[in-house]
Amino acid sequence: MAFVFEKPSWRTRIAPLFQGFDRLLTIAVVLLACAGLLSMYSSGFDHGARFMDHGRNMMIAGFILFCVAQIPPQRLMALAVPLYTLGVILLIAVALFGLTKKGARRWINLGVTFQPSEMLKIAMPLMLAWWFQKREGLLRPLDFGVALVLLAVPVGLIVKQPDLGTAILVLSAGLYVIFFAGLSWKLILPPLVLGFIGLGMVVFYEPELCATGVRWPVLHDYQQQRICTLLDPSRDPLGKGFHIIQGMIAIGSGGVWGKGFMQGTQTHLEFIPERTTDFIFAAFSEEFGLVGNLLLIAGFIFLVLRGLVIALYASTLFTRLLAGSVTLIFFTYAFVNMGMVSGILPVVGVPLPFISYGGTAMVTLGTGIGILMSIAKSKRLVQS
């Protein structure tokens, strides 16, 4: 008797690769990506092939997302120390012989020019989640101290470049892990109180602190100017305050329903600076109005909530800390970008996830979503 074995179809063979993917997270990412493509088509209409490049970057990020999602969390944990070590070494290399552009030394050329600080957005939460996983059940105050040192080293190197936007994101990613690991509120509240007191003093004494010739400790001149400009954009309306003023005008002119797709005057008459990158939210607001903004914010809230649900049901301390931190990185991206465009935060180089143009940031975002998919996938496979 002869047996005939039918060769499985290609769909049958690749189906296991998609098994366990979180559908709700996928829907959130796809909807945000569509909003990004729509915004880029309008705001980047006269930037040559920027729309096509944005689509290509999304495809690359999607491929990286898919590949990272295939890596089990145990493998991700094994990559934590090597990635963190490599990232710190590259940051030191940047400080010693990196490339300087527009007064900032942030890049290094190793055959390909890239920005090593981007690695730390993922390597930092990986490293700290690994650290706390190794000390599960035996945590002492000293362990939190070591975690803060592990966080302070790369953040200090990034601030030195200077790159305040990336430093904020890396610092936030690390602090989220430390918070989720169980840091006492007794240690959290004092710095917050001091921060609010300092902010109040800056606002109250703004005329004296922002007077010509007054130097602030620690901050670079351009960082000091950004804070002073935030407090009073009219101080230099055609210079330092131009970005904030035009961004607020664009957001306000959109009204409730917006001016319509491809109808934004502030955008198309080129009043909005960096309208395809850091200030794309202003262009989006002008054309889609308050309703469009609420839908966009709802998309980010849905993504963050779904990521936190994945973190809540993760099977190990490492995956819970990692998923929670990666999820809140997306919150930080969106909050800081929308805040600076709306004039409630200083202008820093933080893109709007899936909306702003930028290949390196898109790869980082794809890696972050891939990590969440990996954690969700491993949980579902264990349950099945």
Protein backbone atom coordinates (compact mmCIF):
# COMPACT_ATOMS: atom_id res chain seq x y z
CA MET A 1 0.00 0.00 0.00
CA ALA A 2 1.41 3.38 -0.99
CA PHE A 3 1.00 6.43 1.21
CA VAL A 4 0.78 9.87 -0.37
CA PHE A 5 1.78 12.81 1.82
CA GLU A 6 0.50 16.14 0.64
CA LYS A 7 3.03 18.94 0.88
CA PRO A 8 1.74 21.65 3.26
CA SER A 9 0.94 24.99 1.68
CA TRP A 10 3.08 28.07 2.35
CA ARG A 11 0.27 29.49 4.48
CA THR A 12 0.34 26.43 6.70
CA ARG A 13 4.11 26.67 7.05
CA ILE A 14 4.24 30.33 8.07
CA ALA A 15 1.12 30.26 10.28
CA PRO A 16 3.10 29.29 13.44
CA LEU A 17 5.18 32.47 13.04
CA PHE A 18 2.06 34.58 13.60
CA GLN A 19 0.56 32.38 16.29
CA GLY A 20 0.03 34.25 19.53
CA PHE A 21 0.35 37.78 18.09
CA ASP A 22 -1.75 40.23 20.07
CA ARG A 23 -4.52 41.35 17.71
CA LEU A 24 -5.59 44.42 19.67
CA LEU A 25 -2.03 45.74 19.82
CA THR A 26 -1.67 45.06 16.10
CA ILE A 27 -4.85 47.03 15.37
CA ALA A 28 -3.61 50.00 17.43
CA VAL A 29 -0.24 50.06 15.62
CA VAL A 30 -1.83 49.73 12.17
CA LEU A 31 -4.29 52.58 12.83
CA LEU A 32 -1.52 54.87 14.11
CA ALA A 33 0.66 53.95 11.13
CA CYS A 34 -2.20 54.85 8.75
CA ALA A 35 -2.58 58.21 10.50
CA GLY A 36 1.17 58.71 10.08
CA LEU A 37 1.06 57.98 6.35
CA LEU A 38 -1.88 60.33 5.89
CA SER A 39 -0.13 63.13 7.77
CA MET A 40 3.16 62.60 5.96
CA TYR A 41 1.50 62.70 2.54
CA SER A 42 0.11 66.15 3.32
CA SER A 43 2.91 67.72 5.38
CA GLY A 44 5.70 66.26 3.23
CA PHE A 45 4.19 67.10 -0.15
CA ASP A 46 7.13 69.30 -1.16
CA HIS A 47 9.87 67.26 0.55
CA GLY A 48 10.66 65.11 -2.46
CA ALA A 49 10.35 61.41 -1.66
CA ARG A 50 9.73 61.90 2.07
CA PHE A 51 6.33 60.18 1.93
CA MET A 52 7.83 57.17 0.15
CA ASP A 53 10.75 57.11 2.57
CA HIS A 54 8.32 57.20 5.50
CA GLY A 55 6.48 54.21 4.05
CA ARG A 56 9.78 52.39 3.55
CA ASN A 57 10.80 53.12 7.14
CA MET A 58 7.49 51.69 8.33
CA MET A 59 8.06 48.53 6.30
CA ILE A 60 11.55 48.14 7.80
CA ALA A 61 10.14 48.71 11.30
CA GLY A 62 7.41 46.15 10.57
CA PHE A 63 10.00 43.59 9.50
CA ILE A 64 12.04 44.24 12.66
CA LEU A 65 8.85 44.00 14.74
CA PHE A 66 8.10 40.60 13.20
CA CYS A 67 11.66 39.32 13.77
CA VAL A 68 11.84 40.53 17.39
CA ALA A 69 8.44 38.99 18.10
CA GLN A 70 9.94 35.57 17.24
CA ILE A 71 12.59 35.90 19.98
CA PRO A 72 11.46 34.28 23.25
CA PRO A 73 11.67 36.51 26.34
CA GLN A 74 14.40 34.21 27.73
CA ARG A 75 16.59 35.09 24.74
CA LEU A 76 15.79 38.77 25.17
CA MET A 77 16.94 38.48 28.77
CA ALA A 78 20.22 36.94 27.63
CA LEU A 79 20.78 39.93 25.31
CA ALA A 80 20.34 42.51 28.09
CA VAL A 81 23.92 42.74 29.40
CA PRO A 82 25.66 42.55 25.97
CA LEU A 83 23.39 45.23 24.47
CA TYR A 84 23.77 47.56 27.44
CA THR A 85 27.55 47.10 27.52
CA LEU A 86 27.85 47.68 23.78
CA GLY A 87 25.66 50.77 24.02
CA VAL A 88 27.76 52.33 26.80
CA ILE A 89 31.01 51.54 24.94
CA LEU A 90 29.65 53.21 21.80
CA LEU A 91 28.54 56.26 23.81
CA ILE A 92 32.08 56.57 25.20
CA ALA A 93 33.42 56.23 21.65
CA VAL A 94 31.09 59.03 20.54
CA ALA A 95 32.40 61.25 23.34
CA LEU A 96 36.00 60.56 22.27
CA PHE A 97 35.86 60.64 18.47
CA GLY A 98 32.23 60.96 17.38
CA LEU A 99 30.96 63.07 14.51
CA THR A 100 29.80 66.61 15.30
CA LYS A 101 26.80 68.09 13.51
CA LYS A 102 25.16 71.42 14.38
CA GLY A 103 27.22 71.70 17.54
CA ALA A 104 26.28 68.26 18.91
CA ARG A 105 28.47 65.15 18.97
CA ARG A 106 25.93 62.33 18.74
CA TRP A 107 26.97 60.14 15.82
CA ILE A 108 29.69 57.64 15.07
CA ASN A 109 30.86 56.19 11.77
CA LEU A 110 31.55 52.45 11.77
CA GLY A 111 31.07 51.99 8.05
CA VAL A 112 27.55 53.32 8.60
CA THR A 113 26.82 56.56 10.43
CA PHE A 114 24.35 56.04 13.28
CA GLN A 115 23.36 57.38 16.69
CA PRO A 116 24.30 54.91 19.48
CA SER A 117 22.07 56.63 22.04
CA GLU A 118 19.04 55.16 20.24
CA MET A 119 20.18 51.70 21.36
CA LEU A 120 19.78 52.66 25.01
CA LYS A 121 16.04 53.29 24.63
CA ILE A 122 15.70 49.50 24.41
CA ALA A 123 18.92 48.33 26.10
CA MET A 124 18.24 50.36 29.26
CA PRO A 125 14.90 48.75 30.23
CA LEU A 126 16.29 45.35 29.18
CA MET A 127 19.28 45.77 31.49
CA LEU A 128 17.33 46.98 34.50
CA ALA A 129 14.61 44.34 34.06
CA TRP A 130 17.40 41.71 33.97
CA TRP A 131 18.95 43.22 37.10
CA PHE A 132 15.74 43.07 39.13
CA GLN A 133 14.87 39.61 37.81
CA LYS A 134 18.17 38.30 39.15
CA ARG A 135 17.30 39.73 42.57
CA GLU A 136 13.64 38.73 42.69
CA GLY A 137 12.55 38.19 46.28
CA LEU A 138 15.84 39.52 47.67
CA LEU A 139 15.58 43.21 46.83
CA ARG A 140 17.43 45.62 49.12
CA PRO A 141 17.82 49.42 49.00
CA LEU A 142 21.34 48.87 47.66
CA ASP A 143 19.91 47.08 44.61
CA PHE A 144 17.91 50.18 43.71
CA GLY A 145 21.07 52.24 44.19
CA VAL A 146 22.96 50.03 41.73
CA ALA A 147 20.07 50.34 39.28
CA LEU A 148 20.25 54.14 39.49
CA VAL A 149 24.00 54.00 38.76
CA LEU A 150 23.37 51.74 35.75
CA LEU A 151 20.85 54.33 34.57
CA ALA A 152 22.95 57.41 35.34
CA VAL A 153 26.00 56.33 33.30
CA PRO A 154 24.39 56.30 29.82
CA VAL A 155 22.06 59.21 30.62
CA GLY A 156 25.05 61.33 31.67
CA LEU A 157 26.91 60.46 28.46
CA ILE A 158 23.87 61.34 26.34
CA VAL A 159 23.32 64.67 28.14
CA LYS A 160 26.99 65.47 27.51
CA GLN A 161 26.55 65.12 23.71
CA PRO A 162 24.17 67.13 24.21
CA ASP A 163 20.88 65.37 23.34
CA LEU A 164 18.24 66.30 25.89
CA GLY A 165 15.36 64.61 24.06
CA THR A 166 17.00 61.17 23.92
CA ALA A 167 18.28 61.58 27.48
CA ILE A 168 14.71 62.17 28.69
CA LEU A 169 13.49 59.03 26.91
CA VAL A 170 16.32 56.82 28.22
CA LEU A 171 15.94 58.24 31.73
CA SER A 172 12.18 57.67 31.63
CA ALA A 173 12.60 54.08 30.40
CA GLY A 174 14.93 53.29 33.28
CA LEU A 175 12.83 55.05 35.92
CA TYR A 176 9.73 53.15 34.80
CA VAL A 177 11.50 49.84 35.44
CA ILE A 178 12.73 51.00 38.86
CA PHE A 179 9.23 52.20 39.77
CA PHE A 180 7.55 48.95 38.69
CA ALA A 181 10.20 46.98 40.60
CA GLY A 182 8.77 48.41 43.83
CA LEU A 183 10.64 51.62 44.64
CA SER A 184 9.13 53.13 47.78
CA TRP A 185 7.01 56.29 47.47
CA LYS A 186 9.10 57.70 50.33
CA LEU A 187 11.98 57.91 47.86
CA ILE A 188 9.85 59.06 44.92
CA LEU A 189 7.96 61.96 46.51
CA PRO A 190 10.91 64.14 47.72
CA PRO A 191 12.45 64.59 44.22
CA LEU A 192 8.98 65.32 42.80
CA VAL A 193 8.30 67.94 45.46
CA LEU A 194 11.71 69.55 44.89
CA GLY A 195 11.06 69.52 41.15
CA PHE A 196 7.72 71.33 41.52
CA ILE A 197 9.29 73.85 43.89
CA GLY A 198 12.08 74.50 41.40
CA LEU A 199 9.56 74.86 38.56
CA GLY A 200 7.55 77.34 40.61
CA MET A 201 10.65 79.39 41.33
CA VAL A 202 11.59 79.48 37.64
CA VAL A 203 8.11 80.71 36.71
CA PHE A 204 8.01 83.28 39.53
CA TYR A 205 11.49 84.66 38.89
CA GLU A 206 11.31 84.28 35.09
CA PRO A 207 12.21 87.94 34.23
CA GLU A 208 15.36 87.84 36.37
CA LEU A 209 16.42 84.29 35.41
CA CYS A 210 15.91 84.88 31.69
CA ALA A 211 17.59 88.27 31.59
CA THR A 212 20.44 88.66 29.12
CA GLY A 213 23.75 87.42 30.47
CA VAL A 214 22.32 85.29 33.31
CA ARG A 215 23.77 81.77 33.20
CA TRP A 216 22.09 78.76 34.77
CA PRO A 217 24.17 75.93 36.25
CA VAL A 218 24.31 72.55 34.46
CA LEU A 219 22.20 73.58 31.43
CA HIS A 220 23.68 74.54 28.06
CA ASP A 221 22.82 77.96 26.64
CA TYR A 222 20.38 76.56 24.07
CA GLN A 223 18.60 74.50 26.78
CA GLN A 224 18.25 77.59 28.96
CA GLN A 225 16.88 79.54 25.99
CA ARG A 226 14.29 76.84 25.29
CA ILE A 227 12.94 77.04 28.83
CA CYS A 228 12.84 80.84 28.75
CA THR A 229 11.15 80.74 25.35
CA LEU A 230 8.54 78.32 26.69
CA LEU A 231 7.73 80.73 29.53
CA ASP A 232 7.46 83.68 27.16
CA PRO A 233 7.53 82.88 23.39
CA SER A 234 6.93 86.54 22.55
CA ARG A 235 10.41 87.31 23.91
CA ASP A 236 11.82 86.36 20.49
CA PRO A 237 8.83 85.76 18.16
CA LEU A 238 10.89 85.59 14.96
CA GLY A 239 13.73 83.59 16.46
CA LYS A 240 13.67 81.18 19.40
CA GLY A 241 9.92 81.52 19.95
CA PHE A 242 8.95 81.05 16.30
CA HIS A 243 8.48 77.25 16.57
CA ILE A 244 6.16 77.43 19.58
CA ILE A 245 4.13 80.37 18.28
CA GLN A 246 3.54 78.85 14.83
CA GLY A 247 2.73 75.47 16.33
CA MET A 248 0.06 76.98 18.61
CA ILE A 249 -1.36 79.05 15.73
CA ALA A 250 -1.68 75.91 13.58
CA ILE A 251 -3.35 73.92 16.37
CA GLY A 252 -5.79 76.74 17.13
CA SER A 253 -6.63 77.45 13.48
CA GLY A 254 -7.75 73.85 12.99
CA GLY A 255 -10.79 74.46 15.17
CA VAL A 256 -13.10 71.55 15.95
CA TRP A 257 -13.22 69.80 12.58
CA GLY A 258 -10.00 71.03 10.97
CA LYS A 259 -9.40 72.70 7.62
CA GLY A 260 -9.43 69.41 5.74
CA PHE A 261 -6.86 67.08 4.25
CA MET A 262 -4.19 68.97 2.25
CA GLN A 263 -5.89 72.27 3.18
CA GLY A 264 -3.65 73.43 6.03
CA THR A 265 -2.44 76.96 5.27
CA GLN A 266 0.17 77.12 8.05
CA THR A 267 1.52 73.79 6.82
CA HIS A 268 1.46 74.37 3.07
CA LEU A 269 2.72 77.95 3.29
CA GLU A 270 5.67 76.59 5.31
CA PHE A 271 5.06 78.57 8.49
CA ILE A 272 5.42 75.42 10.61
CA PRO A 273 9.11 74.55 11.07
CA GLU A 274 10.07 70.85 10.98
CA ARG A 275 6.52 70.01 9.94
CA THR A 276 7.38 66.44 8.94
CA THR A 277 9.40 65.60 12.06
CA ASP A 278 9.11 67.15 15.53
CA PHE A 279 6.19 69.48 14.69
CA ILE A 280 4.05 67.17 12.57
CA PHE A 281 1.39 67.19 15.30
CA ALA A 282 0.78 70.88 14.53
CA ALA A 283 0.24 70.05 10.85
CA PHE A 284 -2.08 67.17 11.79
CA SER A 285 -4.05 69.42 14.17
CA GLU A 286 -4.53 72.12 11.55
CA GLU A 287 -6.01 69.75 9.00
CA PHE A 288 -8.01 67.40 11.27
CA GLY A 289 -8.87 69.70 14.16
CA LEU A 290 -9.90 68.84 17.70
CA VAL A 291 -11.82 65.76 16.57
CA GLY A 292 -8.78 64.38 14.77
CA ASN A 293 -6.58 65.12 17.79
CA LEU A 294 -8.96 63.30 20.14
CA LEU A 295 -8.98 60.27 17.83
CA LEU A 296 -5.19 60.31 17.61
CA ILE A 297 -4.84 60.60 21.40
CA ALA A 298 -7.39 57.80 21.79
CA GLY A 299 -5.20 55.64 19.55
CA PHE A 300 -2.16 56.22 21.75
CA ILE A 301 -4.18 55.63 24.92
CA PHE A 302 -5.47 52.34 23.48
CA LEU A 303 -1.92 51.26 22.60
CA VAL A 304 -0.63 52.15 26.09
CA LEU A 305 -3.51 50.42 27.87
CA ARG A 306 -3.08 47.29 25.78
CA GLY A 307 0.65 47.26 26.52
CA LEU A 308 -0.02 47.58 30.24
CA VAL A 309 -2.48 44.67 30.06
CA ILE A 310 0.27 42.58 28.42
CA ALA A 311 2.61 43.62 31.25
CA LEU A 312 -0.01 42.77 33.89
CA TYR A 313 -0.43 39.19 32.63
CA ALA A 314 3.25 38.53 31.84
CA SER A 315 4.57 35.34 33.41
CA THR A 316 7.86 36.56 34.96
CA LEU A 317 9.16 39.63 36.76
CA PHE A 318 11.52 40.32 33.85
CA THR A 319 8.72 40.36 31.26
CA ARG A 320 6.41 42.42 33.49
CA LEU A 321 9.04 45.09 34.08
CA LEU A 322 10.14 45.12 30.45
CA ALA A 323 6.62 45.26 29.00
CA GLY A 324 5.56 48.00 31.43
CA SER A 325 8.60 50.13 30.70
CA VAL A 326 8.45 49.72 26.91
CA THR A 327 4.75 50.59 26.96
CA LEU A 328 5.30 53.78 28.94
CA ILE A 329 8.10 54.79 26.57
CA PHE A 330 5.38 55.20 23.93
CA PHE A 331 3.41 57.33 26.39
CA THR A 332 6.50 59.49 27.00
CA TYR A 333 7.13 59.91 23.27
CA ALA A 334 3.55 61.06 22.63
CA PHE A 335 3.19 63.22 25.75
CA VAL A 336 6.48 65.08 25.28
CA ASN A 337 5.96 65.65 21.55
CA MET A 338 2.38 66.89 21.87
CA GLY A 339 3.34 68.94 24.92
CA MET A 340 6.20 70.76 23.24
CA VAL A 341 4.15 71.47 20.08
CA SER A 342 1.26 72.77 22.21
CA GLY A 343 3.56 75.07 24.19
CA ILE A 344 3.34 73.36 27.60
CA LEU A 345 6.80 71.74 27.47
CA PRO A 346 10.19 72.97 26.18
CA VAL A 347 11.07 72.10 22.59
CA VAL A 348 13.18 68.92 22.52
CA GLY A 349 13.93 66.47 19.73
CA VAL A 350 11.27 63.85 20.47
CA PRO A 351 9.25 62.48 17.52
CA LEU A 352 5.58 61.50 17.59
CA PRO A 353 5.44 57.66 17.36
CA PHE A 354 4.53 56.33 13.89
CA ILE A 355 3.62 59.86 12.76
CA SER A 356 6.92 61.77 12.58
CA TYR A 357 9.49 61.14 9.87
CA GLY A 358 12.68 59.39 10.99
CA GLY A 359 14.21 56.02 10.21
CA THR A 360 16.15 55.46 13.44
CA ALA A 361 13.20 56.31 15.67
CA MET A 362 10.92 54.08 13.59
CA VAL A 363 13.29 51.14 14.04
CA THR A 364 13.33 51.74 17.80
CA LEU A 365 9.52 51.85 17.88
CA GLY A 366 9.28 48.67 15.83
CA THR A 367 11.66 46.94 18.22
CA GLY A 368 9.58 48.07 21.20
CA ILE A 369 6.33 46.74 19.71
CA GLY A 370 8.15 43.53 18.77
CA ILE A 371 9.18 43.05 22.42
CA LEU A 372 5.56 43.49 23.53
CA MET A 373 4.44 40.98 20.88
CA SER A 374 7.10 38.52 22.04
CA ILE A 375 5.92 38.76 25.65
CA ALA A 376 2.24 38.45 24.67
CA LYS A 377 3.06 35.57 22.34
CA SER A 378 5.00 33.61 24.96
CA LYS A 379 2.17 34.00 27.47
CA ARG A 380 -0.46 32.73 25.02
CA LEU A 381 1.69 29.78 23.92
CA VAL A 382 2.20 28.78 27.56
CA GLN A 383 -1.55 28.95 28.20
CA SER A 384 -2.30 26.84 25.13
